[in-house]
Amino acid sequence: MANTGAIKVLIPATKDGPTPYCYFHLAHGGKAVRNTAPEDTAFGA
């Protein structure tokens, strides 16, 4: 992951789950996801 700012946010977030059974799943989407317009997805990304 090239964005060190994102890493500094994500690492602490993995330690603050509401229960011990929670986990953080980061999926690599790649170029196809990056080139999707916000109105083309239910997530509004």
N, C-alpha and C. Protein backbone atom coordinates (compact mmCIF):
# COMPACT_ATOMS: atom_id res chain seq x y z
N MET A 1 0.85 -1.17 0.00
CA MET A 1 0.00 0.00 0.00
C MET A 1 0.90 1.23 0.00
N ALA A 2 0.74 2.07 -0.98
CA ALA A 2 1.64 3.20 -1.16
C ALA A 2 1.25 4.42 -0.32
N ASN A 3 0.01 4.53 0.11
CA ASN A 3 -0.45 5.70 0.83
C ASN A 3 -0.20 5.52 2.33
N THR A 4 0.87 6.14 2.84
CA THR A 4 1.20 5.96 4.26
C THR A 4 0.17 6.60 5.18
N GLY A 5 -0.53 7.65 4.70
CA GLY A 5 -1.59 8.25 5.50
C GLY A 5 -2.72 7.27 5.75
N ALA A 6 -3.07 6.51 4.73
CA ALA A 6 -4.12 5.50 4.87
C ALA A 6 -3.68 4.41 5.84
N ILE A 7 -2.43 4.01 5.76
CA ILE A 7 -1.91 2.97 6.65
C ILE A 7 -1.99 3.43 8.10
N LYS A 8 -1.66 4.69 8.35
CA LYS A 8 -1.70 5.22 9.72
C LYS A 8 -3.11 5.24 10.29
N VAL A 9 -4.11 5.29 9.45
CA VAL A 9 -5.51 5.25 9.90
C VAL A 9 -5.99 3.81 10.03
N LEU A 10 -5.63 2.96 9.07
CA LEU A 10 -6.16 1.60 9.04
C LEU A 10 -5.59 0.70 10.15
N ILE A 11 -4.32 0.83 10.45
CA ILE A 11 -3.72 -0.04 11.47
C ILE A 11 -4.40 0.14 12.83
N PRO A 12 -4.54 1.37 13.34
CA PRO A 12 -5.25 1.51 14.63
C PRO A 12 -6.71 1.05 14.56
N ALA A 13 -7.35 1.21 13.40
CA ALA A 13 -8.75 0.79 13.26
C ALA A 13 -8.89 -0.71 13.45
N THR A 14 -7.88 -1.48 13.11
CA THR A 14 -7.96 -2.93 13.26
C THR A 14 -7.89 -3.34 14.73
N LYS A 15 -7.43 -2.47 15.59
CA LYS A 15 -7.27 -2.79 17.01
C LYS A 15 -8.45 -2.36 17.85
N ASP A 16 -9.42 -1.65 17.26
CA ASP A 16 -10.53 -1.08 18.02
C ASP A 16 -11.88 -1.70 17.69
N GLY A 17 -11.91 -2.97 17.37
CA GLY A 17 -13.17 -3.63 17.06
C GLY A 17 -14.05 -3.73 18.30
N PRO A 18 -15.36 -3.73 18.13
CA PRO A 18 -16.27 -3.79 19.28
C PRO A 18 -16.24 -5.13 20.02
N THR A 19 -15.84 -6.20 19.34
CA THR A 19 -15.70 -7.50 19.99
C THR A 19 -14.43 -8.18 19.47
N PRO A 20 -13.94 -9.19 20.15
CA PRO A 20 -12.75 -9.90 19.67
C PRO A 20 -13.01 -10.68 18.38
N TYR A 21 -14.28 -10.82 18.00
CA TYR A 21 -14.62 -11.60 16.81
C TYR A 21 -14.71 -10.75 15.54
N CYS A 22 -14.49 -9.45 15.66
CA CYS A 22 -14.52 -8.56 14.50
C CYS A 22 -13.16 -8.55 13.82
N TYR A 23 -13.17 -8.34 12.53
CA TYR A 23 -11.91 -8.22 11.79
C TYR A 23 -12.07 -7.20 10.69
N PHE A 24 -10.97 -6.74 10.17
CA PHE A 24 -10.95 -5.74 9.11
C PHE A 24 -10.53 -6.43 7.83
N HIS A 25 -11.35 -6.32 6.80
CA HIS A 25 -11.06 -6.98 5.52
C HIS A 25 -10.89 -5.90 4.46
N LEU A 26 -9.70 -5.77 3.94
CA LEU A 26 -9.40 -4.79 2.91
C LEU A 26 -9.19 -5.54 1.60
N ALA A 27 -10.09 -5.32 0.66
CA ALA A 27 -10.01 -6.02 -0.62
C ALA A 27 -9.44 -5.10 -1.70
N HIS A 28 -8.50 -5.60 -2.44
CA HIS A 28 -7.90 -4.85 -3.54
C HIS A 28 -8.87 -4.87 -4.72
N GLY A 29 -9.29 -3.70 -5.16
CA GLY A 29 -10.23 -3.62 -6.27
C GLY A 29 -9.57 -3.44 -7.62
N GLY A 30 -8.46 -2.74 -7.65
CA GLY A 30 -7.74 -2.54 -8.90
C GLY A 30 -8.35 -1.49 -9.81
N LYS A 31 -7.88 -1.47 -11.02
CA LYS A 31 -8.24 -0.44 -11.98
C LYS A 31 -9.72 -0.46 -12.36
N ALA A 32 -10.32 -1.62 -12.47
CA ALA A 32 -11.73 -1.70 -12.86
C ALA A 32 -12.61 -1.00 -11.83
N VAL A 33 -12.30 -1.13 -10.57
CA VAL A 33 -13.06 -0.46 -9.52
C VAL A 33 -12.78 1.03 -9.53
N ARG A 34 -11.54 1.37 -9.72
CA ARG A 34 -11.12 2.77 -9.72
C ARG A 34 -11.77 3.56 -10.86
N ASN A 35 -12.08 2.92 -11.96
CA ASN A 35 -12.65 3.60 -13.12
C ASN A 35 -14.17 3.58 -13.16
N THR A 36 -14.81 3.19 -12.07
CA THR A 36 -16.27 3.14 -12.00
C THR A 36 -16.80 4.49 -11.50
N ALA A 37 -17.78 5.02 -12.20
CA ALA A 37 -18.38 6.30 -11.80
C ALA A 37 -19.23 6.11 -10.55
N PRO A 38 -19.29 7.10 -9.65
CA PRO A 38 -20.06 6.97 -8.41
C PRO A 38 -21.52 6.60 -8.63
N GLU A 39 -22.12 7.09 -9.70
CA GLU A 39 -23.54 6.79 -9.94
C GLU A 39 -23.76 5.39 -10.50
N ASP A 40 -22.68 4.67 -10.80
CA ASP A 40 -22.79 3.31 -11.35
C ASP A 40 -22.74 2.23 -10.28
N THR A 41 -22.69 2.60 -9.02
CA THR A 41 -22.59 1.61 -7.96
C THR A 41 -23.55 1.94 -6.81
N ALA A 42 -23.99 0.92 -6.11
CA ALA A 42 -24.88 1.13 -4.97
C ALA A 42 -24.15 1.76 -3.80
N PHE A 43 -22.82 1.71 -3.80
CA PHE A 43 -22.02 2.22 -2.70
C PHE A 43 -21.71 3.71 -2.83
N GLY A 44 -21.89 4.28 -3.99
CA GLY A 44 -21.62 5.70 -4.18
C GLY A 44 -20.17 6.07 -4.01
N ALA A 45 -19.29 5.14 -4.30
CA ALA A 45 -17.86 5.41 -4.15
C ALA A 45 -17.41 6.27 -5.28
